[in-house]
Amino acid sequence: MSVLAAIAVLAVLILVHELGHFIAARSQGIYVNRFSLGFGPVIWKYQGSETEYAIRAFPLGGFVGFPDDDPDSDIPPHDPNLLRNRPILDRAIVISAGVIANLVFAYLLLVGQVSVVGVGQASQPGVLIQQLAPDTSSVATNAGLKPGDVILAADQKQFGTALQEIDAFREIIKNNPGKSIQLDVVRGDQKLSVNVVPEAKSSGGTIGIGLSPNGKVERRRITNPVAALNAGATEFQRIVTLTFKGFGQLITNFGETASQVAGPVKIVEIGANIAQNDTGSLFFFAALISINLAIINILPLPALDGGQLAFLLIEGVRGKPIPNRIQEGVMQTGLMLLLGLGIFLIVKETTQLTTQLEWVQKLFQ
């Protein structure tokens, strides 16, 4: 059931994305002849007055179809309600609406997380050092830090009970490579002052420790609507910022970060683990994936929404559209590359998952 829950989350996010395109088109009177959730063989369809609605066998995809290039369409080619005959602004609204829908939906999910499920908080202030890096020459080991130590402050910044304090501490370490940082540490009944100098790496400073919240993680619901909206906005901004930073690191440190790129199988695996161990975090998981889906789609790459917006921008500058054969060639090439990447990630992650299952089976034989 946990795997089905994760797949359902992804299907809903894709549905929201495609609904954004669909609603933006129909609200402007633009013809839409197909609305499909999933890809592959059709398992259910309904023919409306203008649009065919369909659910296909594989839910990790979807599309909104327009009759512009449909050879079977009986709509005159110069009809003003065909997408290609609309002004650039109208087409840009339709193309970008999927991204906007995903961002709005992510924000609503985060508001739901804080108001319905609650905000996770540690029972005690500070950041707990859960483990040290196995390297005996790590910064933390040389500074005398030990597993079980609690960091109450770093560089005069006090850490409270919010789970985001871990990220705040990591940012301090990451942004100060080669600089001395004073840590206020509690070890049992002792209070210590420890200085560490983060080691400089390509991704920033590091001291070689694993962190966790201090004490038991508890959820606290925000019942005030205004406070819930503000908390959702704060978390939304944090996730968007971290996502852009992640994409930036993928570009600047491709060799180190490429292995961390996740495909559909890995995403479903992560979602299944969350659904099994912490159902309440599915809101956050869905918001995180929705934001990533929006940002990926807005990138100016062929076959993505951003690629189509780039064509519109060029059309606006030139005063006329790029020839169809060029657009189709670029889009088909981009689509093949994206499909190739998707297939590669699916095969790689399925192989890794199969290997893990075989190892577990051997362990219990």
Protein backbone atom coordinates (compact mmCIF):
# COMPACT_ATOMS: atom_id res chain seq x y z
CA MET A 1 0.00 0.00 0.00
CA SER A 2 2.90 2.39 0.69
CA VAL A 3 4.14 2.03 -2.91
CA LEU A 4 0.61 2.70 -4.20
CA ALA A 5 0.42 5.79 -1.97
CA ALA A 6 3.67 7.13 -3.42
CA ILE A 7 2.51 6.46 -6.99
CA ALA A 8 -0.82 8.12 -6.17
CA VAL A 9 1.04 11.23 -4.94
CA LEU A 10 3.01 11.47 -8.19
CA ALA A 11 -0.15 10.89 -10.25
CA VAL A 12 -1.95 13.69 -8.40
CA LEU A 13 0.94 16.10 -8.98
CA ILE A 14 0.98 15.29 -12.69
CA LEU A 15 -2.81 15.70 -12.78
CA VAL A 16 -2.47 19.14 -11.16
CA HIS A 17 0.17 20.14 -13.71
CA GLU A 18 -1.93 19.09 -16.69
CA LEU A 19 -5.06 20.65 -15.18
CA GLY A 20 -3.17 23.94 -15.08
CA HIS A 21 -2.62 23.78 -18.85
CA PHE A 22 -6.19 22.60 -19.45
CA ILE A 23 -7.92 25.25 -17.34
CA ALA A 24 -5.74 28.05 -18.72
CA ALA A 25 -6.65 27.01 -22.28
CA ARG A 26 -10.36 26.43 -21.76
CA SER A 27 -10.81 29.63 -19.74
CA GLN A 28 -9.54 31.55 -22.78
CA GLY A 29 -11.77 29.64 -25.20
CA ILE A 30 -8.84 27.74 -26.75
CA TYR A 31 -9.70 24.32 -28.16
CA VAL A 32 -8.45 21.27 -26.25
CA ASN A 33 -9.18 17.89 -27.81
CA ARG A 34 -7.39 15.53 -25.40
CA PHE A 35 -6.73 15.40 -21.67
CA SER A 36 -4.79 12.33 -20.59
CA LEU A 37 -3.43 11.17 -17.24
CA GLY A 38 -0.60 8.70 -17.75
CA PHE A 39 0.89 7.22 -20.88
CA GLY A 40 0.69 3.93 -22.70
CA PRO A 41 -2.51 1.96 -23.44
CA VAL A 42 -5.84 3.61 -22.63
CA ILE A 43 -7.70 1.85 -19.80
CA TRP A 44 -10.60 4.33 -19.56
CA LYS A 45 -11.80 7.23 -21.66
CA TYR A 46 -14.77 9.55 -21.96
CA GLN A 47 -15.60 11.72 -24.96
CA GLY A 48 -16.91 15.11 -23.88
CA SER A 49 -18.41 17.76 -26.15
CA GLU A 50 -14.96 19.03 -27.18
CA THR A 51 -12.38 16.99 -25.27
CA GLU A 52 -11.54 13.30 -24.88
CA TYR A 53 -10.61 12.47 -21.28
CA ALA A 54 -8.47 9.36 -20.74
CA ILE A 55 -6.61 7.42 -18.07
CA ARG A 56 -3.70 5.38 -19.34
CA ALA A 57 -1.89 2.36 -17.95
CA PHE A 58 1.22 4.10 -16.57
CA PRO A 59 0.28 7.03 -14.29
CA LEU A 60 3.72 8.70 -14.16
CA GLY A 61 3.01 11.12 -16.99
CA GLY A 62 0.24 12.93 -18.81
CA PHE A 63 -0.52 15.45 -21.51
CA VAL A 64 -3.02 18.00 -22.80
CA GLY A 65 -3.61 17.68 -26.55
CA PHE A 66 -4.57 20.50 -28.91
CA PRO A 67 -6.19 20.01 -32.33
CA ASP A 68 -3.73 22.37 -34.05
CA ASP A 69 -1.70 19.58 -35.63
CA ASP A 70 -4.32 16.83 -35.54
CA PRO A 71 -4.83 15.67 -39.15
CA ASP A 72 -8.28 14.30 -38.26
CA SER A 73 -9.51 17.61 -36.82
CA ASP A 74 -12.32 19.32 -38.74
CA ILE A 75 -11.54 22.74 -37.25
CA PRO A 76 -10.49 25.26 -39.96
CA PRO A 77 -6.71 25.93 -39.77
CA HIS A 78 -7.24 29.67 -39.38
CA ASP A 79 -9.77 29.41 -36.53
CA PRO A 80 -8.80 32.06 -33.93
CA ASN A 81 -9.43 29.63 -31.08
CA LEU A 82 -6.65 27.27 -32.13
CA LEU A 83 -3.68 27.63 -29.79
CA ARG A 84 -1.22 28.45 -32.57
CA ASN A 85 -3.42 31.34 -33.78
CA ARG A 86 -3.57 33.08 -30.40
CA PRO A 87 -1.33 36.02 -29.39
CA ILE A 88 1.98 35.21 -27.72
CA LEU A 89 0.69 36.22 -24.27
CA ASP A 90 -2.29 33.83 -24.47
CA ARG A 91 -0.01 30.95 -25.48
CA ALA A 92 2.52 31.82 -22.76
CA ILE A 93 -0.25 31.70 -20.14
CA VAL A 94 -1.29 28.21 -21.30
CA ILE A 95 2.28 26.91 -21.42
CA SER A 96 3.29 28.31 -18.00
CA ALA A 97 0.01 27.40 -16.26
CA GLY A 98 1.19 23.88 -15.40
CA VAL A 99 4.20 25.23 -13.52
CA ILE A 100 2.06 27.82 -11.73
CA ALA A 101 -0.47 25.12 -10.75
CA ASN A 102 2.29 22.96 -9.24
CA LEU A 103 3.69 25.88 -7.24
CA VAL A 104 0.27 26.94 -5.92
CA PHE A 105 -0.59 23.33 -5.07
CA ALA A 106 2.74 22.91 -3.24
CA TYR A 107 2.01 25.99 -1.13
CA LEU A 108 -1.47 24.70 -0.25
CA LEU A 109 0.04 21.33 0.70
CA LEU A 110 2.51 23.02 3.04
CA VAL A 111 -0.28 25.05 4.64
CA GLY A 112 -2.17 21.78 5.09
CA GLN A 113 0.94 20.19 6.59
CA VAL A 114 1.34 22.83 9.29
CA SER A 115 -2.38 23.26 10.08
CA VAL A 116 -3.69 19.67 9.79
CA VAL A 117 -0.70 17.40 10.40
CA GLY A 118 1.44 19.80 12.40
CA VAL A 119 4.97 21.17 12.42
CA GLY A 120 7.69 18.81 13.56
CA GLN A 121 9.69 20.05 16.53
CA ALA A 122 12.35 18.50 18.72
CA SER A 123 11.48 18.07 22.39
CA GLN A 124 14.74 19.79 23.42
CA PRO A 125 16.69 22.72 21.93
CA GLY A 126 19.93 22.28 20.04
CA VAL A 127 21.34 20.00 17.34
CA LEU A 128 22.42 16.48 18.28
CA ILE A 129 25.64 14.98 16.90
CA GLN A 130 24.47 11.51 15.96
CA GLN A 131 27.72 10.20 14.53
CA LEU A 132 31.21 11.20 13.43
CA ALA A 133 32.78 10.50 10.08
CA PRO A 134 34.84 7.27 10.11
CA ASP A 135 37.89 9.30 9.10
CA THR A 136 39.89 9.72 12.31
CA SER A 137 41.46 12.90 10.97
CA SER A 138 38.14 14.71 10.49
CA VAL A 139 37.69 18.21 11.85
CA ALA A 140 35.10 17.14 14.42
CA THR A 141 37.26 14.28 15.74
CA ASN A 142 40.32 16.52 16.07
CA ALA A 143 38.22 19.13 17.89
CA GLY A 144 37.18 16.53 20.47
CA LEU A 145 33.49 16.35 19.51
CA LYS A 146 31.71 13.09 20.32
CA PRO A 147 28.46 11.35 19.34
CA GLY A 148 25.74 12.45 21.76
CA ASP A 149 27.06 16.00 22.09
CA VAL A 150 24.42 18.69 21.68
CA ILE A 151 25.32 21.91 19.83
CA LEU A 152 23.37 24.76 21.40
CA ALA A 153 24.95 27.58 19.39
CA ALA A 154 27.37 28.15 16.52
CA ASP A 155 29.01 31.47 15.73
CA GLN A 156 26.74 33.06 18.40
CA LYS A 157 23.56 31.77 16.73
CA GLN A 158 21.35 29.96 19.25
CA PHE A 159 19.54 26.80 18.12
CA GLY A 160 16.00 26.13 19.28
CA THR A 161 13.67 23.17 18.77
CA ALA A 162 12.73 23.71 15.07
CA LEU A 163 13.86 20.93 12.76
CA GLN A 164 15.23 23.59 10.40
CA GLU A 165 17.96 24.33 12.96
CA ILE A 166 19.92 21.43 11.46
CA ASP A 167 19.89 23.16 8.07
CA ALA A 168 20.87 26.46 9.71
CA PHE A 169 23.88 24.83 11.37
CA ARG A 170 24.91 23.14 8.11
CA GLU A 171 24.73 26.48 6.32
CA ILE A 172 27.05 28.07 8.90
CA ILE A 173 29.58 25.28 8.42
CA LYS A 174 29.21 25.27 4.63
CA ASN A 175 29.62 29.06 4.29
CA ASN A 176 32.73 29.34 6.48
CA PRO A 177 35.42 27.01 5.09
CA GLY A 178 38.82 27.68 6.63
CA LYS A 179 37.37 30.01 9.30
CA SER A 180 37.21 29.33 13.03
CA ILE A 181 33.69 28.81 14.38
CA GLN A 182 32.90 28.70 18.08
CA LEU A 183 30.43 26.01 19.15
CA ASP A 184 28.57 25.98 22.48
CA VAL A 185 28.27 22.28 23.30
CA VAL A 186 26.52 20.30 26.04
CA ARG A 187 27.92 16.87 26.96
CA GLY A 188 25.87 15.35 29.72
CA ASP A 189 26.10 17.87 32.59
CA GLN A 190 29.07 19.66 31.08
CA LYS A 191 29.00 22.85 29.03
CA LEU A 192 31.90 23.18 26.60
CA SER A 193 33.19 25.76 24.14
CA VAL A 194 34.75 24.15 21.08
CA ASN A 195 36.37 25.84 18.09
CA VAL A 196 36.23 24.13 14.70
CA VAL A 197 37.67 25.16 11.34
CA PRO A 198 35.56 23.62 8.54
CA GLU A 199 37.55 21.82 5.88
CA ALA A 200 37.15 23.37 2.43
CA LYS A 201 35.50 21.13 -0.16
CA SER A 202 34.08 21.94 -3.60
CA SER A 203 30.57 22.06 -2.11
CA GLY A 204 31.61 24.25 0.85
CA GLY A 205 32.88 23.72 4.37
CA THR A 206 32.52 20.42 6.24
CA ILE A 207 33.53 19.09 9.65
CA GLY A 208 32.52 15.42 9.31
CA ILE A 209 29.48 14.86 11.53
CA GLY A 210 25.99 13.40 11.17
CA LEU A 211 23.19 15.42 12.77
CA SER A 212 19.71 14.76 14.10
CA PRO A 213 17.10 16.63 16.18
CA ASN A 214 17.74 16.75 19.91
CA GLY A 215 15.22 14.52 21.65
CA LYS A 216 11.91 13.19 20.44
CA VAL A 217 10.30 14.78 17.38
CA GLU A 218 6.77 15.95 18.12
CA ARG A 219 4.17 17.60 15.89
CA ARG A 220 2.47 20.86 16.82
CA ARG A 221 -0.50 22.04 14.77
CA ILE A 222 -0.88 25.72 13.91
CA THR A 223 -4.57 26.48 14.40
CA ASN A 224 -4.45 30.21 13.60
CA PRO A 225 -5.24 30.52 9.83
CA VAL A 226 -3.01 33.57 9.32
CA ALA A 227 -0.12 31.93 11.17
CA ALA A 228 -0.61 28.75 9.11
CA LEU A 229 -0.50 30.73 5.85
CA ASN A 230 2.68 32.50 7.00
CA ALA A 231 4.32 29.25 8.12
CA GLY A 232 3.42 27.61 4.80
CA ALA A 233 4.91 30.57 2.91
CA THR A 234 8.12 30.39 4.96
CA GLU A 235 8.51 26.67 4.29
CA PHE A 236 7.64 27.18 0.61
CA GLN A 237 10.35 29.82 0.26
CA ARG A 238 12.87 27.58 2.04
CA ILE A 239 12.19 24.60 -0.25
CA VAL A 240 12.32 26.71 -3.42
CA THR A 241 15.64 28.23 -2.31
CA LEU A 242 17.13 24.83 -1.49
CA THR A 243 15.89 23.41 -4.80
CA PHE A 244 17.54 26.17 -6.82
CA LYS A 245 20.74 25.69 -4.82
CA GLY A 246 20.57 21.97 -5.57
CA PHE A 247 20.25 22.63 -9.31
CA GLY A 248 23.12 25.10 -9.06
CA GLN A 249 25.35 22.50 -7.42
CA LEU A 250 24.32 19.95 -10.07
CA ILE A 251 25.63 22.34 -12.74
CA THR A 252 28.79 23.54 -10.97
CA ASN A 253 29.74 20.19 -9.40
CA PHE A 254 28.23 17.77 -11.91
CA GLY A 255 30.76 15.04 -11.26
CA GLU A 256 29.94 14.89 -7.54
CA THR A 257 26.18 15.46 -7.68
CA ALA A 258 25.12 13.56 -10.84
CA SER A 259 24.88 10.30 -8.91
CA GLN A 260 22.31 11.92 -6.59
CA VAL A 261 19.81 12.58 -9.43
CA ALA A 262 16.70 10.48 -8.76
CA GLY A 263 14.37 8.97 -11.32
CA PRO A 264 10.77 7.69 -10.99
CA VAL A 265 11.73 4.40 -9.28
CA LYS A 266 13.84 6.15 -6.62
CA ILE A 267 11.17 8.78 -6.03
CA VAL A 268 8.51 6.08 -5.57
CA GLU A 269 10.85 4.20 -3.21
CA ILE A 270 11.40 7.33 -1.09
CA GLY A 271 7.68 8.10 -1.08
CA ALA A 272 6.85 4.50 -0.11
CA ASN A 273 9.24 4.68 2.85
CA ILE A 274 7.64 7.93 3.99
CA ALA A 275 4.12 6.50 3.59
CA GLN A 276 5.11 3.47 5.64
CA ASN A 277 7.04 5.21 8.40
CA ASP A 278 5.56 8.71 8.64
CA THR A 279 2.30 9.18 6.75
CA GLY A 280 1.99 12.77 7.93
CA SER A 281 5.08 13.72 5.95
CA LEU A 282 3.41 12.79 2.65
CA PHE A 283 2.15 16.40 2.48
CA PHE A 284 5.74 17.64 2.65
CA PHE A 285 6.95 14.95 0.22
CA ALA A 286 4.25 15.91 -2.29
CA ALA A 287 5.05 19.63 -1.93
CA LEU A 288 8.76 18.96 -2.43
CA ILE A 289 8.17 16.91 -5.59
CA SER A 290 5.62 19.44 -6.88
CA ILE A 291 8.12 22.30 -6.53
CA ASN A 292 10.84 20.24 -8.21
CA LEU A 293 8.44 19.31 -11.01
CA ALA A 294 7.62 22.99 -11.54
CA ILE A 295 11.25 24.12 -11.58
CA ILE A 296 12.35 21.32 -13.92
CA ASN A 297 9.52 22.09 -16.33
CA ILE A 298 10.36 25.79 -16.49
CA LEU A 299 13.96 25.13 -17.52
CA PRO A 300 14.56 26.28 -21.14
CA LEU A 301 15.10 22.76 -22.44
CA PRO A 302 13.48 21.15 -25.49
CA ALA A 303 10.28 19.17 -24.83
CA LEU A 304 9.70 21.02 -21.53
CA ASP A 305 7.40 23.97 -20.87
CA GLY A 306 10.45 26.21 -20.56
CA GLY A 307 11.60 25.18 -24.02
CA GLN A 308 8.27 26.19 -25.52
CA LEU A 309 8.40 29.51 -23.67
CA ALA A 310 11.88 30.04 -25.13
CA PHE A 311 10.42 29.56 -28.62
CA LEU A 312 7.75 32.16 -27.81
CA LEU A 313 10.41 34.59 -26.60
CA ILE A 314 12.36 34.15 -29.84
CA GLU A 315 9.13 34.63 -31.80
CA GLY A 316 8.45 37.86 -29.92
CA VAL A 317 11.94 39.17 -30.70
CA ARG A 318 11.88 38.08 -34.38
CA GLY A 319 8.30 39.14 -34.96
CA LYS A 320 7.47 35.78 -36.49
CA PRO A 321 7.55 32.18 -35.27
CA ILE A 322 10.45 29.80 -35.83
CA PRO A 323 9.67 27.46 -38.78
CA ASN A 324 7.69 24.39 -37.69
CA ARG A 325 10.28 21.93 -39.00
CA ILE A 326 12.96 23.48 -36.77
CA GLN A 327 10.69 23.51 -33.72
CA GLU A 328 9.64 19.92 -34.32
CA GLY A 329 13.24 18.81 -34.82
CA VAL A 330 14.42 20.47 -31.61
CA MET A 331 11.45 19.15 -29.63
CA GLN A 332 11.83 15.60 -30.94
CA THR A 333 15.55 15.60 -30.16
CA GLY A 334 14.90 16.93 -26.67
CA LEU A 335 12.13 14.41 -26.12
CA MET A 336 14.40 11.53 -27.15
CA LEU A 337 17.12 12.75 -24.79
CA LEU A 338 14.66 13.08 -21.89
CA LEU A 339 13.17 9.64 -22.61
CA GLY A 340 16.67 8.20 -22.79
CA LEU A 341 17.58 9.76 -19.44
CA GLY A 342 14.32 8.52 -17.91
CA ILE A 343 14.86 4.97 -19.18
CA PHE A 344 18.46 5.03 -17.95
CA LEU A 345 17.40 6.15 -14.45
CA ILE A 346 14.57 3.59 -14.32
CA VAL A 347 16.89 0.72 -15.35
CA LYS A 348 19.65 1.85 -12.98
CA GLU A 349 17.36 2.28 -9.99
CA THR A 350 15.41 -0.92 -10.69
CA THR A 351 18.71 -2.82 -10.85
CA GLN A 352 19.84 -1.27 -7.56
CA LEU A 353 16.50 -2.07 -5.94
CA THR A 354 16.63 -5.68 -7.19
CA THR A 355 20.18 -6.05 -5.86
CA GLN A 356 19.07 -4.72 -2.46
CA LEU A 357 16.14 -7.16 -2.34
CA GLU A 358 18.39 -10.10 -3.26
CA TRP A 359 20.83 -9.08 -0.51
CA VAL A 360 18.01 -8.92 2.05
CA GLN A 361 16.72 -12.34 0.97
CA LYS A 362 20.20 -13.86 1.39
CA LEU A 363 20.51 -12.23 4.78
CA PHE A 364 17.42 -13.99 6.08
CA GLN A 365 18.07 -17.41 4.47
